């Protein structure tokens, strides 16, 4: 039988448990089992996590682990790992993805503990696969910067990336983010705006960013947003859905079909006759 000192130096397991991003049914049986068997759960917001645990009648002790205490909590969590198993969860989705967790994972590895991911819900992946845009390669940007100048700088940095971009945005800033995106990448860049994924008021809107921004009312659309942005293409020729969207927009502003065809052919890389044919179809 191990003595107290031997037990204190034993290696434990840190489980990174993905939790629902909205719908409580989106949690695996394995995740529920792990949450019920560990000796401690480190949660971004214990009040939020307690609702999940109560729903599934799990009574494991909770401790807070969030952005403002993540450093001071490290020793306490490492001590708990020395005694057994600990689960780390965020308020929604996979921990350490735009949420606290990286520091404790690094500390666990350095201390010789075992780190085990329990995969599950992830807002970036859910938005990406539902967007209809290319799923590989893609780049996850996390939350866009709060300040407009820094946000535009990030968008300008990635404006010519060929891969799909995925970013989080708050309801308070989504309108400004769409405006900056249109200004930096142009009105015809394809995007998917994903709101409240897996929740009651889930909504996914897809199309040219200029068109989406023109129709978007952020005050009437509260909730969490995931923005998926099409990558830039080396071929300057526009996709047909982009050509049709541009034609519809200019016809709606009263431009004549011949003028629409001439201007869009100049911008899109399409022959004028092709654009004129589509213009007549869109009238």
C-alpha atoms as a PDB file:
ATOM      1  CA  UNK A   1       0.000   0.000   0.000  1.00  0.00           C
ATOM      2  CA  UNK A   2       1.310   3.438  -0.990  1.00  0.00           C
ATOM      3  CA  UNK A   3       2.162   5.917   1.756  1.00  0.00           C
ATOM      4  CA  UNK A   4       1.115   9.588   1.696  1.00  0.00           C
ATOM      5  CA  UNK A   5       4.313  10.802   0.004  1.00  0.00           C
ATOM      6  CA  UNK A   6       4.033   8.199  -2.766  1.00  0.00           C
ATOM      7  CA  UNK A   7       0.429   9.125  -3.422  1.00  0.00           C
ATOM      8  CA  UNK A   8       1.331  12.823  -3.680  1.00  0.00           C
ATOM      9  CA  UNK A   9       3.883  12.078  -6.416  1.00  0.00           C
ATOM     10  CA  UNK A  10       1.626   9.760  -8.421  1.00  0.00           C
ATOM     11  CA  UNK A  11       0.817  10.810 -11.950  1.00  0.00           C
ATOM     12  CA  UNK A  12      -2.756  11.787 -12.698  1.00  0.00           C
ATOM     13  CA  UNK A  13      -4.827  12.359 -15.825  1.00  0.00           C
ATOM     14  CA  UNK A  14      -6.103  15.691 -17.109  1.00  0.00           C
ATOM     15  CA  UNK A  15      -9.189  15.238 -19.301  1.00  0.00           C
ATOM     16  CA  UNK A  16     -10.093  18.016 -21.746  1.00  0.00           C
ATOM     17  CA  UNK A  17     -13.838  17.530 -22.041  1.00  0.00           C
ATOM     18  CA  UNK A  18     -15.848  19.158 -24.831  1.00  0.00           C
ATOM     19  CA  UNK A  19     -19.302  20.300 -23.695  1.00  0.00           C
ATOM     20  CA  UNK A  20     -22.383  21.453 -25.646  1.00  0.00           C
ATOM     21  CA  UNK A  21     -22.277  24.833 -27.392  1.00  0.00           C
ATOM     22  CA  UNK A  22     -26.031  25.200 -26.986  1.00  0.00           C
ATOM     23  CA  UNK A  23     -28.018  21.995 -27.136  1.00  0.00           C
ATOM     24  CA  UNK A  24     -27.524  19.880 -24.008  1.00  0.00           C
ATOM     25  CA  UNK A  25     -28.052  16.708 -26.045  1.00  0.00           C
ATOM     26  CA  UNK A  26     -24.758  17.331 -27.849  1.00  0.00           C
ATOM     27  CA  UNK A  27     -22.560  15.600 -25.297  1.00  0.00           C
ATOM     28  CA  UNK A  28     -21.099  12.134 -25.606  1.00  0.00           C
ATOM     29  CA  UNK A  29     -21.645   9.221 -23.273  1.00  0.00           C
ATOM     30  CA  UNK A  30     -17.900   9.129 -22.732  1.00  0.00           C
ATOM     31  CA  UNK A  31     -17.843  12.792 -21.675  1.00  0.00           C
ATOM     32  CA  UNK A  32     -20.614  12.186 -19.161  1.00  0.00           C
ATOM     33  CA  UNK A  33     -18.802   9.158 -17.761  1.00  0.00           C
ATOM     34  CA  UNK A  34     -15.552  11.082 -17.364  1.00  0.00           C
ATOM     35  CA  UNK A  35     -17.266  14.048 -15.704  1.00  0.00           C
ATOM     36  CA  UNK A  36     -18.843  11.642 -13.245  1.00  0.00           C
ATOM     37  CA  UNK A  37     -15.678   9.704 -12.390  1.00  0.00           C
ATOM     38  CA  UNK A  38     -13.037  12.424 -11.956  1.00  0.00           C
ATOM     39  CA  UNK A  39     -12.337  13.829  -8.514  1.00  0.00           C
ATOM     40  CA  UNK A  40     -12.515  17.470  -9.648  1.00  0.00           C
ATOM     41  CA  UNK A  41     -13.829  19.543 -12.553  1.00  0.00           C
ATOM     42  CA  UNK A  42     -12.134  22.849 -13.419  1.00  0.00           C
ATOM     43  CA  UNK A  43     -14.778  25.018 -15.095  1.00  0.00           C
ATOM     44  CA  UNK A  44     -14.642  28.414 -16.760  1.00  0.00           C
ATOM     45  CA  UNK A  45     -17.878  29.398 -14.983  1.00  0.00           C
ATOM     46  CA  UNK A  46     -18.984  27.025 -12.236  1.00  0.00           C
ATOM     47  CA  UNK A  47     -22.555  28.343 -12.341  1.00  0.00           C
ATOM     48  CA  UNK A  48     -22.831  27.553 -16.029  1.00  0.00           C
ATOM     49  CA  UNK A  49     -21.251  24.103 -15.716  1.00  0.00           C
ATOM     50  CA  UNK A  50     -23.379  23.253 -12.672  1.00  0.00           C
ATOM     51  CA  UNK A  51     -26.492  23.531 -14.860  1.00  0.00           C
ATOM     52  CA  UNK A  52     -25.051  20.908 -17.218  1.00  0.00           C
ATOM     53  CA  UNK A  53     -24.046  18.621 -14.374  1.00  0.00           C
ATOM     54  CA  UNK A  54     -27.434  18.976 -12.665  1.00  0.00           C
ATOM     55  CA  UNK A  55     -29.193  18.083 -15.913  1.00  0.00           C
ATOM     56  CA  UNK A  56     -27.294  14.778 -16.002  1.00  0.00           C
ATOM     57  CA  UNK A  57     -27.291  14.279 -12.206  1.00  0.00           C
ATOM     58  CA  UNK A  58     -23.515  14.524 -11.854  1.00  0.00           C
ATOM     59  CA  UNK A  59     -22.254  15.649  -8.446  1.00  0.00           C
ATOM     60  CA  UNK A  60     -18.506  15.983  -9.017  1.00  0.00           C
ATOM     61  CA  UNK A  61     -16.935  18.935  -7.130  1.00  0.00           C
ATOM     62  CA  UNK A  62     -16.274  22.079  -9.167  1.00  0.00           C
ATOM     63  CA  UNK A  63     -13.525  24.684  -9.069  1.00  0.00           C
ATOM     64  CA  UNK A  64     -13.349  27.846 -11.171  1.00  0.00           C
ATOM     65  CA  UNK A  65     -10.647  28.168 -13.817  1.00  0.00           C
ATOM     66  CA  UNK A  66     -10.990  31.251 -16.001  1.00  0.00           C
ATOM     67  CA  UNK A  67      -9.018  34.010 -17.697  1.00  0.00           C
ATOM     68  CA  UNK A  68      -8.497  36.009 -14.499  1.00  0.00           C
ATOM     69  CA  UNK A  69      -7.346  33.197 -12.180  1.00  0.00           C
ATOM     70  CA  UNK A  70      -5.802  30.665 -14.581  1.00  0.00           C
ATOM     71  CA  UNK A  71      -2.244  31.285 -13.366  1.00  0.00           C
ATOM     72  CA  UNK A  72      -2.929  31.215  -9.629  1.00  0.00           C
ATOM     73  CA  UNK A  73      -4.992  28.030 -10.037  1.00  0.00           C
ATOM     74  CA  UNK A  74      -2.140  26.046 -11.617  1.00  0.00           C
ATOM     75  CA  UNK A  75      -0.579  24.802  -8.377  1.00  0.00           C
ATOM     76  CA  UNK A  76      -3.966  23.757  -7.019  1.00  0.00           C
ATOM     77  CA  UNK A  77      -4.827  21.816 -10.171  1.00  0.00           C
ATOM     78  CA  UNK A  78      -1.405  20.176 -10.320  1.00  0.00           C
ATOM     79  CA  UNK A  79      -1.828  19.107  -6.706  1.00  0.00           C
ATOM     80  CA  UNK A  80      -5.214  17.592  -7.591  1.00  0.00           C
ATOM     81  CA  UNK A  81      -3.606  15.768 -10.518  1.00  0.00           C
ATOM     82  CA  UNK A  82      -1.067  14.342  -8.118  1.00  0.00           C
ATOM     83  CA  UNK A  83      -3.967  12.667  -6.336  1.00  0.00           C
ATOM     84  CA  UNK A  84      -5.999  11.470  -9.317  1.00  0.00           C
ATOM     85  CA  UNK A  85      -8.045  12.634 -12.279  1.00  0.00           C
ATOM     86  CA  UNK A  86      -9.182  16.175 -13.189  1.00  0.00           C
ATOM     87  CA  UNK A  87     -11.477  17.329 -15.990  1.00  0.00           C
ATOM     88  CA  UNK A  88     -11.191  20.738 -17.636  1.00  0.00           C
ATOM     89  CA  UNK A  89     -14.276  22.238 -19.307  1.00  0.00           C
ATOM     90  CA  UNK A  90     -15.154  25.626 -20.794  1.00  0.00           C
ATOM     91  CA  UNK A  91     -18.578  27.233 -20.877  1.00  0.00           C
ATOM     92  CA  UNK A  92     -19.191  25.797 -24.345  1.00  0.00           C
ATOM     93  CA  UNK A  93     -17.321  23.649 -26.812  1.00  0.00           C
ATOM     94  CA  UNK A  94     -13.766  22.390 -26.549  1.00  0.00           C
ATOM     95  CA  UNK A  95     -11.557  23.833 -23.790  1.00  0.00           C
ATOM     96  CA  UNK A  96      -8.410  25.771 -24.746  1.00  0.00           C
ATOM     97  CA  UNK A  97      -9.942  26.859 -28.082  1.00  0.00           C
ATOM     98  CA  UNK A  98     -10.454  30.621 -27.572  1.00  0.00           C
ATOM     99  CA  UNK A  99     -11.004  29.741 -23.913  1.00  0.00           C
ATOM    100  CA  UNK A 100      -8.624  29.258 -20.958  1.00  0.00           C
ATOM    101  CA  UNK A 101      -6.773  25.954 -20.799  1.00  0.00           C
ATOM    102  CA  UNK A 102      -3.464  26.130 -22.645  1.00  0.00           C
ATOM    103  CA  UNK A 103      -1.482  26.984 -19.503  1.00  0.00           C
ATOM    104  CA  UNK A 104      -2.808  24.092 -17.423  1.00  0.00           C
ATOM    105  CA  UNK A 105      -2.293  21.650 -20.307  1.00  0.00           C
ATOM    106  CA  UNK A 106       1.315  22.769 -20.677  1.00  0.00           C
ATOM    107  CA  UNK A 107       1.871  22.544 -16.910  1.00  0.00           C
ATOM    108  CA  UNK A 108       0.346  19.052 -16.809  1.00  0.00           C
ATOM    109  CA  UNK A 109       2.663  17.816 -19.558  1.00  0.00           C
ATOM    110  CA  UNK A 110       5.700  19.377 -17.887  1.00  0.00           C
ATOM    111  CA  UNK A 111       4.792  17.722 -14.583  1.00  0.00           C
ATOM    112  CA  UNK A 112       4.565  14.330 -16.273  1.00  0.00           C
ATOM    113  CA  UNK A 113       0.803  13.922 -16.099  1.00  0.00           C
ATOM    114  CA  UNK A 114      -1.308  12.270 -18.781  1.00  0.00           C
ATOM    115  CA  UNK A 115      -3.451  14.562 -20.961  1.00  0.00           C
ATOM    116  CA  UNK A 116      -6.491  13.028 -22.662  1.00  0.00           C
ATOM    117  CA  UNK A 117      -8.850  14.908 -25.014  1.00  0.00           C
ATOM    118  CA  UNK A 118     -12.540  13.963 -24.939  1.00  0.00           C
ATOM    119  CA  UNK A 119     -13.687  15.325 -28.313  1.00  0.00           C
ATOM    120  CA  UNK A 120     -17.098  16.741 -28.966  1.00  0.00           C
ATOM    121  CA  UNK A 121     -18.837  20.021 -29.878  1.00  0.00           C
ATOM    122  CA  UNK A 122     -16.771  22.761 -31.507  1.00  0.00           C
ATOM    123  CA  UNK A 123     -18.322  25.935 -32.928  1.00  0.00           C
ATOM    124  CA  UNK A 124     -15.558  26.552 -35.531  1.00  0.00           C
ATOM    125  CA  UNK A 125     -15.928  23.052 -36.990  1.00  0.00           C
ATOM    126  CA  UNK A 126     -19.742  23.167 -36.913  1.00  0.00           C
ATOM    127  CA  UNK A 127     -19.761  26.493 -38.755  1.00  0.00           C
ATOM    128  CA  UNK A 128     -17.115  25.405 -41.254  1.00  0.00           C
ATOM    129  CA  UNK A 129     -18.841  22.217 -42.362  1.00  0.00           C
ATOM    130  CA  UNK A 130     -22.232  23.956 -42.621  1.00  0.00           C
ATOM    131  CA  UNK A 131     -20.899  26.933 -44.586  1.00  0.00           C
ATOM    132  CA  UNK A 132     -20.577  25.248 -47.962  1.00  0.00           C
ATOM    133  CA  UNK A 133     -17.124  26.797 -48.311  1.00  0.00           C
ATOM    134  CA  UNK A 134     -13.903  24.827 -48.692  1.00  0.00           C
ATOM    135  CA  UNK A 135     -13.161  22.879 -45.526  1.00  0.00           C
ATOM    136  CA  UNK A 136      -9.474  22.289 -46.130  1.00  0.00           C
ATOM    137  CA  UNK A 137      -7.228  23.932 -45.536  1.00  0.00           C
ATOM    138  CA  UNK A 138      -8.732  26.420 -43.112  1.00  0.00           C
ATOM    139  CA  UNK A 139      -7.348  28.871 -40.560  1.00  0.00           C
ATOM    140  CA  UNK A 140      -9.035  29.607 -37.233  1.00  0.00           C
ATOM    141  CA  UNK A 141      -8.495  33.209 -36.109  1.00  0.00           C
ATOM    142  CA  UNK A 142     -10.305  33.053 -32.768  1.00  0.00           C
ATOM    143  CA  UNK A 143     -12.044  36.284 -31.763  1.00  0.00           C
ATOM    144  CA  UNK A 144     -11.336  39.231 -34.042  1.00  0.00           C
ATOM    145  CA  UNK A 145      -9.694  42.198 -32.256  1.00  0.00           C
ATOM    146  CA  UNK A 146     -11.943  44.646 -30.438  1.00  0.00           C
ATOM    147  CA  UNK A 147     -10.357  47.789 -31.904  1.00  0.00           C
ATOM    148  CA  UNK A 148     -11.286  48.664 -35.475  1.00  0.00           C
ATOM    149  CA  UNK A 149      -7.705  49.433 -36.560  1.00  0.00           C
ATOM    150  CA  UNK A 150      -6.406  46.125 -35.220  1.00  0.00           C
ATOM    151  CA  UNK A 151      -9.372  44.226 -36.663  1.00  0.00           C
ATOM    152  CA  UNK A 152      -8.741  45.676 -40.126  1.00  0.00           C
ATOM    153  CA  UNK A 153      -5.043  44.907 -39.796  1.00  0.00           C
ATOM    154  CA  UNK A 154      -5.840  41.233 -39.138  1.00  0.00           C
ATOM    155  CA  UNK A 155      -8.230  41.092 -42.094  1.00  0.00           C
ATOM    156  CA  UNK A 156      -5.677  42.791 -44.355  1.00  0.00           C
ATOM    157  CA  UNK A 157      -3.024  40.319 -43.210  1.00  0.00           C
ATOM    158  CA  UNK A 158      -5.201  37.415 -44.365  1.00  0.00           C
ATOM    159  CA  UNK A 159      -6.978  39.026 -47.336  1.00  0.00           C
ATOM    160  CA  UNK A 160      -4.908  37.084 -49.891  1.00  0.00           C
ATOM    161  CA  UNK A 161      -4.807  33.786 -47.995  1.00  0.00           C
ATOM    162  CA  UNK A 162      -6.092  30.986 -50.237  1.00  0.00           C
ATOM    163  CA  UNK A 163      -7.614  29.041 -47.356  1.00  0.00           C
ATOM    164  CA  UNK A 164     -10.965  29.464 -45.643  1.00  0.00           C
ATOM    165  CA  UNK A 165     -10.931  31.670 -42.547  1.00  0.00           C
ATOM    166  CA  UNK A 166     -13.022  31.053 -39.427  1.00  0.00           C
ATOM    167  CA  UNK A 167     -13.465  33.665 -36.701  1.00  0.00           C
ATOM    168  CA  UNK A 168     -15.607  34.392 -33.659  1.00  0.00           C
ATOM    169  CA  UNK A 169     -17.362  37.703 -33.143  1.00  0.00           C
ATOM    170  CA  UNK A 170     -19.598  39.195 -30.494  1.00  0.00           C
ATOM    171  CA  UNK A 171     -23.128  40.496 -31.199  1.00  0.00           C
ATOM    172  CA  UNK A 172     -21.951  43.986 -30.252  1.00  0.00           C
ATOM    173  CA  UNK A 173     -19.208  44.034 -32.908  1.00  0.00           C
ATOM    174  CA  UNK A 174     -20.502  41.803 -35.714  1.00  0.00           C
ATOM    175  CA  UNK A 175     -21.913  44.736 -37.696  1.00  0.00           C
ATOM    176  CA  UNK A 176     -18.584  46.589 -37.588  1.00  0.00           C
ATOM    177  CA  UNK A 177     -16.717  43.384 -38.434  1.00  0.00           C
ATOM    178  CA  UNK A 178     -18.814  42.838 -41.558  1.00  0.00           C
ATOM    179  CA  UNK A 179     -18.235  46.452 -42.590  1.00  0.00           C
ATOM    180  CA  UNK A 180     -14.481  46.050 -42.176  1.00  0.00           C
ATOM    181  CA  UNK A 181     -14.537  42.727 -44.019  1.00  0.00           C
ATOM    182  CA  UNK A 182     -16.313  44.283 -46.988  1.00  0.00           C
ATOM    183  CA  UNK A 183     -13.912  47.225 -47.036  1.00  0.00           C
ATOM    184  CA  UNK A 184     -10.807  45.024 -46.908  1.00  0.00           C
ATOM    185  CA  UNK A 185     -11.784  42.012 -49.031  1.00  0.00           C
ATOM    186  CA  UNK A 186     -14.410  43.531 -51.295  1.00  0.00           C
ATOM    187  CA  UNK A 187     -18.211  43.202 -51.418  1.00  0.00           C
ATOM    188  CA  UNK A 188     -18.185  39.926 -53.373  1.00  0.00           C
ATOM    189  CA  UNK A 189     -16.107  37.826 -50.989  1.00  0.00           C
ATOM    190  CA  UNK A 190     -18.248  34.832 -50.024  1.00  0.00           C
ATOM    191  CA  UNK A 191     -18.986  34.400 -46.327  1.00  0.00           C
ATOM    192  CA  UNK A 192     -21.225  32.353 -44.063  1.00  0.00           C
ATOM    193  CA  UNK A 193     -22.620  34.093 -41.002  1.00  0.00           C
ATOM    194  CA  UNK A 194     -23.498  31.505 -38.362  1.00  0.00           C
ATOM    195  CA  UNK A 195     -25.520  32.645 -35.358  1.00  0.00           C
ATOM    196  CA  UNK A 196     -26.512  30.722 -32.224  1.00  0.00           C
ATOM    197  CA  UNK A 197     -25.327  27.346 -33.537  1.00  0.00           C
ATOM    198  CA  UNK A 198     -27.271  24.358 -32.107  1.00  0.00           C
ATOM    199  CA  UNK A 199     -29.561  26.705 -30.163  1.00  0.00           C
ATOM    200  CA  UNK A 200     -33.257  27.475 -30.600  1.00  0.00           C
ATOM    201  CA  UNK A 201     -32.664  30.486 -32.864  1.00  0.00           C
ATOM    202  CA  UNK A 202     -29.852  28.983 -34.948  1.00  0.00           C
ATOM    203  CA  UNK A 203     -29.372  30.778 -38.253  1.00  0.00           C
ATOM    204  CA  UNK A 204     -26.852  30.421 -41.085  1.00  0.00           C
ATOM    205  CA  UNK A 205     -26.757  33.011 -43.868  1.00  0.00           C
ATOM    206  CA  UNK A 206     -24.443  32.603 -46.849  1.00  0.00           C
ATOM    207  CA  UNK A 207     -23.530  34.928 -49.725  1.00  0.00           C
ATOM    208  CA  UNK A 208     -21.370  37.908 -50.734  1.00  0.00           C
ATOM    209  CA  UNK A 209     -20.391  39.926 -47.687  1.00  0.00           C
ATOM    210  CA  UNK A 210     -21.687  43.177 -49.183  1.00  0.00           C
ATOM    211  CA  UNK A 211     -25.117  41.671 -49.724  1.00  0.00           C
ATOM    212  CA  UNK A 212     -25.251  40.160 -46.241  1.00  0.00           C
ATOM    213  CA  UNK A 213     -24.129  43.393 -44.599  1.00  0.00           C
ATOM    214  CA  UNK A 214     -26.727  45.430 -46.470  1.00  0.00           C
ATOM    215  CA  UNK A 215     -29.510  43.184 -45.169  1.00  0.00           C
ATOM    216  CA  UNK A 216     -28.134  42.674 -41.678  1.00  0.00           C
ATOM    217  CA  UNK A 217     -29.540  44.305 -38.552  1.00  0.00           C
ATOM    218  CA  UNK A 218     -27.289  43.447 -35.581  1.00  0.00           C
ATOM    219  CA  UNK A 219     -29.773  44.836 -33.038  1.00  0.00           C
ATOM    220  CA  UNK A 220     -32.420  42.401 -34.273  1.00  0.00           C
ATOM    221  CA  UNK A 221     -29.972  39.469 -34.319  1.00  0.00           C
ATOM    222  CA  UNK A 222     -28.513  38.977 -30.823  1.00  0.00           C
ATOM    223  CA  UNK A 223     -26.414  35.930 -30.060  1.00  0.00           C
ATOM    224  CA  UNK A 224     -22.983  34.432 -30.565  1.00  0.00           C
ATOM    225  CA  UNK A 225     -21.497  34.539 -34.067  1.00  0.00           C
ATOM    226  CA  UNK A 226     -19.064  32.393 -36.003  1.00  0.00           C
ATOM    227  CA  UNK A 227     -17.938  33.916 -39.289  1.00  0.00           C
ATOM    228  CA  UNK A 228     -16.630  31.750 -42.137  1.00  0.00           C
ATOM    229  CA  UNK A 229     -14.806  33.596 -44.925  1.00  0.00           C
ATOM    230  CA  UNK A 230     -13.908  32.130 -48.308  1.00  0.00           C
ATOM    231  CA  UNK A 231     -10.246  32.137 -49.211  1.00  0.00           C
ATOM    232  CA  UNK A 232      -8.847  34.294 -51.986  1.00  0.00           C
ATOM    233  CA  UNK A 233      -8.439  32.615 -55.366  1.00  0.00           C
ATOM    234  CA  UNK A 234      -5.543  32.965 -57.779  1.00  0.00           C
ATOM    235  CA  UNK A 235      -7.956  32.868 -60.720  1.00  0.00           C
ATOM    236  CA  UNK A 236      -9.363  36.417 -60.986  1.00  0.00           C
ATOM    237  CA  UNK A 237     -12.469  35.130 -62.763  1.00  0.00           C
ATOM    238  CA  UNK A 238     -15.478  35.374 -60.446  1.00  0.00           C
ATOM    239  CA  UNK A 239     -17.634  32.400 -59.561  1.00  0.00           C
ATOM    240  CA  UNK A 240     -21.029  32.350 -61.300  1.00  0.00           C
ATOM    241  CA  UNK A 241     -22.978  32.934 -58.084  1.00  0.00           C
ATOM    242  CA  UNK A 242     -20.843  36.033 -57.477  1.00  0.00           C
ATOM    243  CA  UNK A 243     -21.561  37.294 -61.010  1.00  0.00           C
ATOM    244  CA  UNK A 244     -25.286  36.750 -60.546  1.00  0.00           C
ATOM    245  CA  UNK A 245     -25.271  38.518 -57.182  1.00  0.00           C
ATOM    246  CA  UNK A 246     -23.475  41.512 -58.691  1.00  0.00           C
ATOM    247  CA  UNK A 247     -25.927  41.631 -61.597  1.00  0.00           C
ATOM    248  CA  UNK A 248     -28.933  41.489 -59.273  1.00  0.00           C
ATOM    249  CA  UNK A 249     -27.509  44.295 -57.154  1.00  0.00           C
ATOM    250  CA  UNK A 250     -26.931  46.627 -60.098  1.00  0.00           C
ATOM    251  CA  UNK A 251     -30.247  45.858 -61.744  1.00  0.00           C
ATOM    252  CA  UNK A 252     -31.912  46.649 -58.403  1.00  0.00           C
ATOM    253  CA  UNK A 253     -30.240  50.063 -58.526  1.00  0.00           C
ATOM    254  CA  UNK A 254     -31.786  50.738 -61.936  1.00  0.00           C
ATOM    255  CA  UNK A 255     -28.757  50.183 -64.190  1.00  0.00           C
ATOM    256  CA  UNK A 256     -29.496  49.172 -67.771  1.00  0.00           C
ATOM    257  CA  UNK A 257     -28.656  45.570 -68.782  1.00  0.00           C
ATOM    258  CA  UNK A 258     -26.083  46.679 -71.342  1.00  0.00           C
ATOM    259  CA  UNK A 259     -24.335  48.871 -68.776  1.00  0.00           C
ATOM    260  CA  UNK A 260     -24.442  46.094 -66.181  1.00  0.00           C
ATOM    261  CA  UNK A 261     -22.937  43.586 -68.628  1.00  0.00           C
ATOM    262  CA  UNK A 262     -20.172  45.953 -69.717  1.00  0.00           C
ATOM    263  CA  UNK A 263     -19.097  46.931 -66.197  1.00  0.00           C
ATOM    264  CA  UNK A 264     -19.269  43.461 -64.617  1.00  0.00           C
ATOM    265  CA  UNK A 265     -17.438  41.870 -67.549  1.00  0.00           C
ATOM    266  CA  UNK A 266     -14.656  44.379 -66.964  1.00  0.00           C
ATOM    267  CA  UNK A 267     -14.443  43.529 -63.249  1.00  0.00           C
ATOM    268  CA  UNK A 268     -15.138  39.803 -63.235  1.00  0.00           C
ATOM    269  CA  UNK A 269     -13.014  38.330 -65.995  1.00  0.00           C
ATOM    270  CA  UNK A 270     -16.113  37.031 -67.808  1.00  0.00           C
ATOM    271  CA  UNK A 271     -16.826  37.769 -71.466  1.00  0.00           C
ATOM    272  CA  UNK A 272     -19.362  40.510 -72.006  1.00  0.00           C
ATOM    273  CA  UNK A 273     -21.681  38.231 -73.956  1.00  0.00           C
ATOM    274  CA  UNK A 274     -21.771  35.720 -71.108  1.00  0.00           C
ATOM    275  CA  UNK A 275     -22.581  38.409 -68.562  1.00  0.00           C
ATOM    276  CA  UNK A 276     -25.263  39.934 -70.820  1.00  0.00           C
ATOM    277  CA  UNK A 277     -26.946  36.527 -71.183  1.00  0.00           C
ATOM    278  CA  UNK A 278     -27.067  36.084 -67.388  1.00  0.00           C
ATOM    279  CA  UNK A 279     -28.276  39.675 -67.011  1.00  0.00           C
ATOM    280  CA  UNK A 280     -31.287  38.958 -69.231  1.00  0.00           C
ATOM    281  CA  UNK A 281     -32.006  35.814 -67.187  1.00  0.00           C
ATOM    282  CA  UNK A 282     -31.936  37.846 -63.953  1.00  0.00           C
ATOM    283  CA  UNK A 283     -34.360  40.532 -65.139  1.00  0.00           C
END
